[in-house]
Amino acid sequence: MLQSKGDILHSLSDLDRQILMHLQSDGRISNQELSERVGTSTASCWRRVKTLEQAGIIDSYTALLNRENLGLGLCVFVHVTLSRHNKKNTQAFEKSIQHRAEIMECFATTGDADFILRVVTKSISSFDQFLEDFLFELPEISQIRSNIALRELKFDTALPLD
């Protein structure tokens, strides 16, 4: 069923794809309900889910929280350029951002910025404090540009399996 990482998506069976699509939309679905939806026995369904977990296809299960209902209404995309492009600076920056709860995602990128962060905070003033107290203090950074999200038009966590 499962092969090298490059071929895994193409080698998934239709049943595996169905299982994954249902789990992506409802991670709390019971094995009984899942097996009924995909049309297989509960034992077979359970084995396939365990195989997908062991293969690293299913990484984890989580609850998605509504950030605005929690008072975390500001979403900012921060473009970070390092002062020097060497292993020491890159590793220091990557280590620094790991434990900041405001940083939801970080991508190493090509183009104008070396990294793009997705930062979530309560307000402009809390974002300003994050910049002043944390990012501006990192010696590896030479430039920071921020783009504030005005509206969220699409948010999806389900990967395309077609």
N, C-alpha and C. Protein backbone atom coordinates (compact mmCIF):
# COMPACT_ATOMS: atom_id res chain seq x y z
N MET A 1 0.82 -1.20 0.00
CA MET A 1 0.00 0.00 0.00
C MET A 1 0.86 1.25 0.00
N LEU A 2 1.86 1.37 0.90
CA LEU A 2 2.61 2.60 1.04
C LEU A 2 4.03 2.43 0.52
N GLN A 3 4.55 3.46 -0.18
CA GLN A 3 5.85 3.40 -0.81
C GLN A 3 6.68 4.60 -0.39
N SER A 4 7.58 5.03 -1.27
CA SER A 4 8.41 6.18 -0.97
C SER A 4 7.55 7.43 -0.87
N LYS A 5 8.07 8.46 -0.20
CA LYS A 5 7.29 9.67 0.05
C LYS A 5 6.77 10.32 -1.23
N GLY A 6 7.53 10.30 -2.29
CA GLY A 6 7.09 10.92 -3.54
C GLY A 6 5.94 10.19 -4.20
N ASP A 7 5.85 8.88 -3.97
CA ASP A 7 4.83 8.07 -4.63
C ASP A 7 3.63 7.77 -3.74
N ILE A 8 3.67 8.13 -2.50
CA ILE A 8 2.62 7.74 -1.56
C ILE A 8 1.25 8.22 -1.99
N LEU A 9 1.11 9.49 -2.34
CA LEU A 9 -0.19 10.02 -2.71
C LEU A 9 -0.80 9.24 -3.87
N HIS A 10 0.00 8.93 -4.86
CA HIS A 10 -0.50 8.20 -6.02
C HIS A 10 -0.76 6.73 -5.73
N SER A 11 -0.12 6.19 -4.70
CA SER A 11 -0.27 4.77 -4.42
C SER A 11 -1.37 4.46 -3.40
N LEU A 12 -1.99 5.50 -2.83
CA LEU A 12 -3.07 5.26 -1.89
C LEU A 12 -4.26 4.63 -2.60
N SER A 13 -4.87 3.66 -1.96
CA SER A 13 -6.07 3.06 -2.53
C SER A 13 -7.24 4.03 -2.39
N ASP A 14 -8.28 3.78 -3.15
CA ASP A 14 -9.48 4.61 -3.04
C ASP A 14 -10.04 4.56 -1.61
N LEU A 15 -9.97 3.38 -0.99
CA LEU A 15 -10.46 3.24 0.38
C LEU A 15 -9.62 4.08 1.34
N ASP A 16 -8.31 4.06 1.19
CA ASP A 16 -7.44 4.88 2.04
C ASP A 16 -7.75 6.37 1.86
N ARG A 17 -7.97 6.78 0.61
CA ARG A 17 -8.31 8.18 0.34
C ARG A 17 -9.63 8.56 1.01
N GLN A 18 -10.61 7.69 0.93
CA GLN A 18 -11.89 7.96 1.58
C GLN A 18 -11.72 8.07 3.09
N ILE A 19 -10.97 7.16 3.67
CA ILE A 19 -10.71 7.20 5.11
C ILE A 19 -10.07 8.53 5.49
N LEU A 20 -9.04 8.91 4.75
CA LEU A 20 -8.32 10.15 5.04
C LEU A 20 -9.22 11.37 4.87
N MET A 21 -10.05 11.40 3.83
CA MET A 21 -10.95 12.53 3.64
C MET A 21 -11.93 12.66 4.79
N HIS A 22 -12.49 11.53 5.24
CA HIS A 22 -13.42 11.58 6.37
C HIS A 22 -12.72 12.00 7.66
N LEU A 23 -11.51 11.51 7.89
CA LEU A 23 -10.78 11.89 9.10
C LEU A 23 -10.37 13.35 9.08
N GLN A 24 -10.06 13.89 7.89
CA GLN A 24 -9.72 15.30 7.80
C GLN A 24 -10.91 16.19 8.12
N SER A 25 -12.10 15.75 7.78
CA SER A 25 -13.27 16.58 8.06
C SER A 25 -13.82 16.35 9.46
N ASP A 26 -13.53 15.20 10.06
CA ASP A 26 -14.00 14.92 11.42
C ASP A 26 -13.04 13.94 12.08
N GLY A 27 -12.05 14.47 12.76
CA GLY A 27 -11.05 13.64 13.44
C GLY A 27 -11.59 12.87 14.63
N ARG A 28 -12.79 13.23 15.08
CA ARG A 28 -13.40 12.54 16.23
C ARG A 28 -14.36 11.42 15.83
N ILE A 29 -14.45 11.17 14.55
CA ILE A 29 -15.37 10.13 14.09
C ILE A 29 -14.96 8.78 14.68
N SER A 30 -15.94 8.01 15.08
CA SER A 30 -15.62 6.69 15.65
C SER A 30 -15.23 5.74 14.53
N ASN A 31 -14.50 4.70 14.87
CA ASN A 31 -14.11 3.71 13.88
C ASN A 31 -15.35 3.05 13.27
N GLN A 32 -16.36 2.83 14.09
CA GLN A 32 -17.62 2.24 13.61
C GLN A 32 -18.24 3.12 12.53
N GLU A 33 -18.39 4.41 12.83
CA GLU A 33 -18.98 5.35 11.88
C GLU A 33 -18.11 5.46 10.61
N LEU A 34 -16.80 5.53 10.81
CA LEU A 34 -15.88 5.64 9.68
C LEU A 34 -15.99 4.42 8.77
N SER A 35 -16.02 3.24 9.35
CA SER A 35 -16.11 2.01 8.54
C SER A 35 -17.43 1.96 7.77
N GLU A 36 -18.51 2.45 8.38
CA GLU A 36 -19.80 2.49 7.68
C GLU A 36 -19.77 3.47 6.51
N ARG A 37 -19.14 4.62 6.72
CA ARG A 37 -19.09 5.64 5.66
C ARG A 37 -18.25 5.19 4.47
N VAL A 38 -17.19 4.42 4.73
CA VAL A 38 -16.32 4.00 3.63
C VAL A 38 -16.66 2.61 3.11
N GLY A 39 -17.60 1.93 3.78
CA GLY A 39 -18.08 0.65 3.29
C GLY A 39 -17.14 -0.52 3.50
N THR A 40 -16.54 -0.60 4.68
CA THR A 40 -15.67 -1.73 5.00
C THR A 40 -15.94 -2.18 6.43
N SER A 41 -15.36 -3.29 6.83
CA SER A 41 -15.57 -3.78 8.19
C SER A 41 -14.82 -2.89 9.18
N THR A 42 -15.26 -2.91 10.42
CA THR A 42 -14.59 -2.10 11.45
C THR A 42 -13.14 -2.56 11.65
N ALA A 43 -12.90 -3.86 11.59
CA ALA A 43 -11.54 -4.38 11.78
C ALA A 43 -10.62 -3.93 10.64
N SER A 44 -11.12 -4.02 9.42
CA SER A 44 -10.33 -3.59 8.26
C SER A 44 -10.06 -2.10 8.33
N CYS A 45 -11.07 -1.34 8.69
CA CYS A 45 -10.93 0.11 8.79
C CYS A 45 -9.90 0.47 9.85
N TRP A 46 -9.98 -0.16 11.00
CA TRP A 46 -9.04 0.10 12.10
C TRP A 46 -7.61 -0.21 11.66
N ARG A 47 -7.40 -1.36 10.97
CA ARG A 47 -6.06 -1.73 10.50
C ARG A 47 -5.52 -0.70 9.51
N ARG A 48 -6.38 -0.24 8.62
CA ARG A 48 -5.93 0.75 7.62
C ARG A 48 -5.56 2.08 8.29
N VAL A 49 -6.36 2.51 9.26
CA VAL A 49 -6.04 3.74 9.97
C VAL A 49 -4.72 3.59 10.71
N LYS A 50 -4.51 2.46 11.38
CA LYS A 50 -3.26 2.22 12.10
C LYS A 50 -2.07 2.20 11.14
N THR A 51 -2.24 1.60 9.97
CA THR A 51 -1.17 1.58 8.96
C THR A 51 -0.85 2.98 8.49
N LEU A 52 -1.88 3.79 8.26
CA LEU A 52 -1.68 5.18 7.83
C LEU A 52 -0.99 6.01 8.92
N GLU A 53 -1.32 5.74 10.18
CA GLU A 53 -0.65 6.41 11.29
C GLU A 53 0.82 6.00 11.36
N GLN A 54 1.08 4.71 11.30
CA GLN A 54 2.46 4.20 11.41
C GLN A 54 3.33 4.66 10.24
N ALA A 55 2.72 4.84 9.08
CA ALA A 55 3.47 5.30 7.91
C ALA A 55 3.72 6.81 7.95
N GLY A 56 3.13 7.50 8.92
CA GLY A 56 3.32 8.94 9.01
C GLY A 56 2.40 9.74 8.10
N ILE A 57 1.43 9.07 7.47
CA ILE A 57 0.45 9.79 6.65
C ILE A 57 -0.48 10.58 7.56
N ILE A 58 -0.98 9.93 8.60
CA ILE A 58 -1.75 10.62 9.64
C ILE A 58 -0.73 11.04 10.69
N ASP A 59 -0.54 12.33 10.80
CA ASP A 59 0.47 12.89 11.68
C ASP A 59 -0.02 13.02 13.11
N SER A 60 -1.25 13.52 13.28
CA SER A 60 -1.81 13.70 14.61
C SER A 60 -3.29 14.02 14.48
N TYR A 61 -3.96 14.08 15.62
CA TYR A 61 -5.37 14.47 15.69
C TYR A 61 -5.43 15.70 16.57
N THR A 62 -6.29 16.65 16.19
CA THR A 62 -6.34 17.89 16.94
C THR A 62 -7.72 18.53 16.86
N ALA A 63 -7.96 19.51 17.71
CA ALA A 63 -9.18 20.32 17.64
C ALA A 63 -8.80 21.67 17.04
N LEU A 64 -9.59 22.16 16.11
CA LEU A 64 -9.36 23.48 15.53
C LEU A 64 -10.19 24.49 16.30
N LEU A 65 -9.55 25.49 16.82
CA LEU A 65 -10.22 26.51 17.63
C LEU A 65 -10.52 27.74 16.79
N ASN A 66 -11.58 28.44 17.13
CA ASN A 66 -11.95 29.67 16.46
C ASN A 66 -11.18 30.81 17.12
N ARG A 67 -10.16 31.32 16.43
CA ARG A 67 -9.27 32.32 17.04
C ARG A 67 -10.01 33.61 17.37
N GLU A 68 -10.93 34.02 16.52
CA GLU A 68 -11.66 35.27 16.77
C GLU A 68 -12.54 35.14 18.00
N ASN A 69 -13.19 33.99 18.18
CA ASN A 69 -14.01 33.78 19.37
C ASN A 69 -13.17 33.73 20.64
N LEU A 70 -11.88 33.48 20.49
CA LEU A 70 -10.97 33.47 21.63
C LEU A 70 -10.28 34.82 21.84
N GLY A 71 -10.66 35.81 21.04
CA GLY A 71 -10.07 37.14 21.18
C GLY A 71 -8.74 37.29 20.49
N LEU A 72 -8.43 36.41 19.54
CA LEU A 72 -7.17 36.49 18.80
C LEU A 72 -7.49 36.89 17.35
N GLY A 73 -8.01 38.11 17.21
CA GLY A 73 -8.55 38.55 15.94
C GLY A 73 -7.56 39.06 14.92
N LEU A 74 -6.31 39.26 15.31
CA LEU A 74 -5.34 39.82 14.36
C LEU A 74 -4.46 38.72 13.80
N CYS A 75 -4.39 38.64 12.48
CA CYS A 75 -3.53 37.69 11.79
C CYS A 75 -2.58 38.50 10.91
N VAL A 76 -1.28 38.27 11.08
CA VAL A 76 -0.28 39.04 10.35
C VAL A 76 0.70 38.09 9.68
N PHE A 77 1.02 38.39 8.42
CA PHE A 77 2.06 37.64 7.72
C PHE A 77 3.32 38.49 7.76
N VAL A 78 4.35 37.93 8.38
CA VAL A 78 5.59 38.66 8.60
C VAL A 78 6.67 38.09 7.69
N HIS A 79 7.24 38.94 6.85
CA HIS A 79 8.30 38.55 5.93
C HIS A 79 9.63 38.93 6.59
N VAL A 80 10.47 37.94 6.80
CA VAL A 80 11.73 38.14 7.52
C VAL A 80 12.89 37.90 6.58
N THR A 81 13.83 38.85 6.55
CA THR A 81 15.06 38.70 5.79
C THR A 81 16.21 38.66 6.79
N LEU A 82 17.07 37.67 6.65
CA LEU A 82 18.22 37.55 7.55
C LEU A 82 19.34 38.47 7.11
N SER A 83 20.17 38.88 8.08
CA SER A 83 21.29 39.76 7.78
C SER A 83 22.39 39.04 7.02
N ARG A 84 22.61 37.78 7.35
CA ARG A 84 23.61 36.96 6.65
C ARG A 84 22.99 35.60 6.38
N HIS A 85 23.30 35.07 5.23
CA HIS A 85 22.76 33.77 4.84
C HIS A 85 23.80 32.69 5.09
N ASN A 86 23.89 32.32 6.35
CA ASN A 86 24.78 31.22 6.70
C ASN A 86 24.06 30.30 7.69
N LYS A 87 24.65 29.15 7.88
CA LYS A 87 24.02 28.12 8.72
C LYS A 87 23.80 28.61 10.16
N LYS A 88 24.77 29.33 10.70
CA LYS A 88 24.67 29.81 12.09
C LYS A 88 23.48 30.75 12.26
N ASN A 89 23.34 31.73 11.40
CA ASN A 89 22.21 32.68 11.48
C ASN A 89 20.88 31.99 11.28
N THR A 90 20.82 31.13 10.29
CA THR A 90 19.58 30.42 9.99
C THR A 90 19.15 29.56 11.17
N GLN A 91 20.07 28.80 11.73
CA GLN A 91 19.75 27.94 12.86
C GLN A 91 19.35 28.75 14.09
N ALA A 92 20.03 29.85 14.33
CA ALA A 92 19.69 30.70 15.48
C ALA A 92 18.28 31.26 15.34
N PHE A 93 17.94 31.73 14.14
CA PHE A 93 16.59 32.25 13.91
C PHE A 93 15.55 31.15 14.08
N GLU A 94 15.78 30.02 13.46
CA GLU A 94 14.83 28.91 13.54
C GLU A 94 14.63 28.45 14.98
N LYS A 95 15.68 28.43 15.76
CA LYS A 95 15.57 28.04 17.17
C LYS A 95 14.78 29.10 17.96
N SER A 96 15.01 30.36 17.67
CA SER A 96 14.36 31.45 18.40
C SER A 96 12.85 31.44 18.25
N ILE A 97 12.36 31.10 17.08
CA ILE A 97 10.92 31.20 16.84
C ILE A 97 10.12 29.99 17.32
N GLN A 98 10.80 28.90 17.63
CA GLN A 98 10.11 27.66 17.96
C GLN A 98 9.17 27.76 19.17
N HIS A 99 9.49 28.57 20.13
CA HIS A 99 8.73 28.59 21.38
C HIS A 99 7.85 29.83 21.54
N ARG A 100 7.62 30.53 20.45
CA ARG A 100 6.74 31.69 20.50
C ARG A 100 5.34 31.27 20.10
N ALA A 101 4.41 31.35 21.02
CA ALA A 101 3.04 30.90 20.78
C ALA A 101 2.34 31.72 19.70
N GLU A 102 2.73 32.97 19.53
CA GLU A 102 2.08 33.83 18.52
C GLU A 102 2.38 33.35 17.09
N ILE A 103 3.51 32.69 16.92
CA ILE A 103 3.91 32.24 15.59
C ILE A 103 3.24 30.90 15.33
N MET A 104 2.26 30.94 14.45
CA MET A 104 1.49 29.74 14.14
C MET A 104 2.18 28.88 13.09
N GLU A 105 2.82 29.53 12.13
CA GLU A 105 3.50 28.83 11.06
C GLU A 105 4.73 29.62 10.66
N CYS A 106 5.72 28.91 10.16
CA CYS A 106 6.93 29.55 9.62
C CYS A 106 7.38 28.75 8.42
N PHE A 107 7.62 29.46 7.33
CA PHE A 107 8.07 28.82 6.10
C PHE A 107 9.38 29.46 5.66
N ALA A 108 10.36 28.64 5.32
CA ALA A 108 11.55 29.13 4.63
C ALA A 108 11.13 29.30 3.18
N THR A 109 11.44 30.46 2.59
CA THR A 109 10.92 30.78 1.27
C THR A 109 12.01 31.28 0.32
N THR A 110 11.65 31.31 -0.95
CA THR A 110 12.47 31.98 -1.95
C THR A 110 11.85 33.35 -2.17
N GLY A 111 12.54 34.19 -2.90
CA GLY A 111 11.98 35.51 -3.21
C GLY A 111 12.55 36.59 -2.31
N ASP A 112 11.72 37.59 -2.02
CA ASP A 112 12.18 38.76 -1.28
C ASP A 112 12.50 38.48 0.18
N ALA A 113 11.85 37.51 0.78
CA ALA A 113 12.05 37.21 2.19
C ALA A 113 12.64 35.81 2.33
N ASP A 114 13.38 35.62 3.41
CA ASP A 114 13.95 34.30 3.70
C ASP A 114 12.93 33.41 4.41
N PHE A 115 12.07 34.05 5.21
CA PHE A 115 11.05 33.33 5.97
C PHE A 115 9.75 34.12 5.94
N ILE A 116 8.64 33.40 5.99
CA ILE A 116 7.34 34.03 6.18
C ILE A 116 6.70 33.39 7.40
N LEU A 117 6.30 34.25 8.34
CA LEU A 117 5.64 33.79 9.56
C LEU A 117 4.17 34.16 9.50
N ARG A 118 3.34 33.27 10.02
CA ARG A 118 1.94 33.64 10.25
C ARG A 118 1.81 33.82 11.75
N VAL A 119 1.52 35.06 12.15
CA VAL A 119 1.47 35.44 13.55
C VAL A 119 0.03 35.80 13.91
N VAL A 120 -0.43 35.29 15.04
CA VAL A 120 -1.78 35.58 15.53
C VAL A 120 -1.66 36.23 16.90
N THR A 121 -2.32 37.39 17.05
CA THR A 121 -2.33 38.09 18.34
C THR A 121 -3.72 38.69 18.58
N LYS A 122 -3.87 39.32 19.74
CA LYS A 122 -5.14 39.94 20.11
C LYS A 122 -5.41 41.23 19.34
N SER A 123 -4.35 42.02 19.14
CA SER A 123 -4.56 43.36 18.62
C SER A 123 -3.29 43.90 17.98
N ILE A 124 -3.42 45.07 17.37
CA ILE A 124 -2.25 45.75 16.81
C ILE A 124 -1.23 46.03 17.91
N SER A 125 -1.70 46.46 19.06
CA SER A 125 -0.75 46.78 20.14
C SER A 125 -0.03 45.52 20.64
N SER A 126 -0.71 44.38 20.69
CA SER A 126 -0.01 43.16 21.11
C SER A 126 0.95 42.69 20.02
N PHE A 127 0.62 42.93 18.76
CA PHE A 127 1.55 42.62 17.68
C PHE A 127 2.77 43.53 17.75
N ASP A 128 2.54 44.81 18.02
CA ASP A 128 3.63 45.77 18.17
C ASP A 128 4.57 45.34 19.30
N GLN A 129 3.98 44.89 20.39
CA GLN A 129 4.79 44.42 21.52
C GLN A 129 5.59 43.17 21.13
N PHE A 130 4.99 42.26 20.38
CA PHE A 130 5.68 41.07 19.87
C PHE A 130 6.89 41.49 19.02
N LEU A 131 6.68 42.49 18.14
CA LEU A 131 7.79 42.98 17.32
C LEU A 131 8.89 43.59 18.18
N GLU A 132 8.49 44.51 19.05
CA GLU A 132 9.47 45.24 19.87
C GLU A 132 10.24 44.33 20.83
N ASP A 133 9.52 43.47 21.51
CA ASP A 133 10.13 42.64 22.54
C ASP A 133 10.82 41.38 22.01
N PHE A 134 10.43 40.96 20.82
CA PHE A 134 10.99 39.70 20.32
C PHE A 134 11.70 39.84 18.97
N LEU A 135 10.94 40.06 17.91
CA LEU A 135 11.56 40.02 16.58
C LEU A 135 12.66 41.07 16.38
N PHE A 136 12.39 42.31 16.80
CA PHE A 136 13.40 43.36 16.62
C PHE A 136 14.66 43.09 17.44
N GLU A 137 14.56 42.22 18.42
CA GLU A 137 15.72 41.90 19.27
C GLU A 137 16.60 40.79 18.70
N LEU A 138 16.14 40.10 17.67
CA LEU A 138 16.92 39.01 17.09
C LEU A 138 18.01 39.58 16.19
N PRO A 139 19.27 39.35 16.53
CA PRO A 139 20.37 39.95 15.77
C PRO A 139 20.52 39.37 14.36
N GLU A 140 19.93 38.23 14.09
CA GLU A 140 20.06 37.59 12.78
C GLU A 140 19.22 38.28 11.70
N ILE A 141 18.26 39.10 12.13
CA ILE A 141 17.30 39.70 11.19
C ILE A 141 17.80 41.05 10.70
N SER A 142 17.71 41.26 9.37
CA SER A 142 18.06 42.57 8.83
C SER A 142 16.82 43.37 8.42
N GLN A 143 15.74 42.67 8.05
CA GLN A 143 14.55 43.38 7.59
C GLN A 143 13.29 42.58 7.94
N ILE A 144 12.25 43.33 8.32
CA ILE A 144 10.94 42.73 8.62
C ILE A 144 9.89 43.56 7.90
N ARG A 145 9.03 42.87 7.16
CA ARG A 145 7.87 43.51 6.53
C ARG A 145 6.64 42.75 6.98
N SER A 146 5.58 43.47 7.30
CA SER A 146 4.36 42.84 7.80
C SER A 146 3.18 43.16 6.90
N ASN A 147 2.32 42.16 6.71
CA ASN A 147 1.06 42.33 6.00
C ASN A 147 -0.04 41.85 6.93
N ILE A 148 -0.97 42.75 7.25
CA ILE A 148 -2.08 42.40 8.13
C ILE A 148 -3.22 41.86 7.29
N ALA A 149 -3.74 40.71 7.69
CA ALA A 149 -4.89 40.11 7.00
C ALA A 149 -6.14 40.91 7.37
N LEU A 150 -6.85 41.39 6.37
CA LEU A 150 -8.09 42.14 6.60
C LEU A 150 -9.27 41.20 6.80
N ARG A 151 -9.34 40.16 5.97
CA ARG A 151 -10.40 39.17 6.05
C ARG A 151 -9.80 37.81 5.71
N GLU A 152 -10.37 36.79 6.30
CA GLU A 152 -9.99 35.43 5.95
C GLU A 152 -11.02 34.90 4.97
N LEU A 153 -10.62 34.71 3.73
CA LEU A 153 -11.54 34.29 2.69
C LEU A 153 -11.63 32.77 2.57
N LYS A 154 -10.56 32.10 2.93
CA LYS A 154 -10.57 30.65 2.89
C LYS A 154 -9.58 30.14 3.92
N PHE A 155 -10.05 29.18 4.71
CA PHE A 155 -9.19 28.50 5.66
C PHE A 155 -9.55 27.03 5.58
N ASP A 156 -8.62 26.23 5.17
CA ASP A 156 -8.87 24.81 5.03
C ASP A 156 -7.70 24.05 5.61
N THR A 157 -7.97 22.98 6.29
CA THR A 157 -6.91 22.14 6.82
C THR A 157 -6.82 20.81 6.07
N ALA A 158 -7.81 20.51 5.25
CA ALA A 158 -7.84 19.25 4.52
C ALA A 158 -6.95 19.33 3.29
N LEU A 159 -6.04 18.37 3.16
CA LEU A 159 -5.17 18.31 2.00
C LEU A 159 -5.92 17.73 0.80
N PRO A 160 -5.60 18.19 -0.41
CA PRO A 160 -6.27 17.63 -1.59
C PRO A 160 -5.71 16.24 -1.90
N LEU A 161 -6.55 15.25 -1.88
CA LEU A 161 -6.11 13.87 -2.07
C LEU A 161 -6.49 13.32 -3.44
N ASP A 162 -7.04 14.15 -4.31
CA ASP A 162 -7.45 13.69 -5.64
C ASP A 162 -6.26 13.55 -6.56
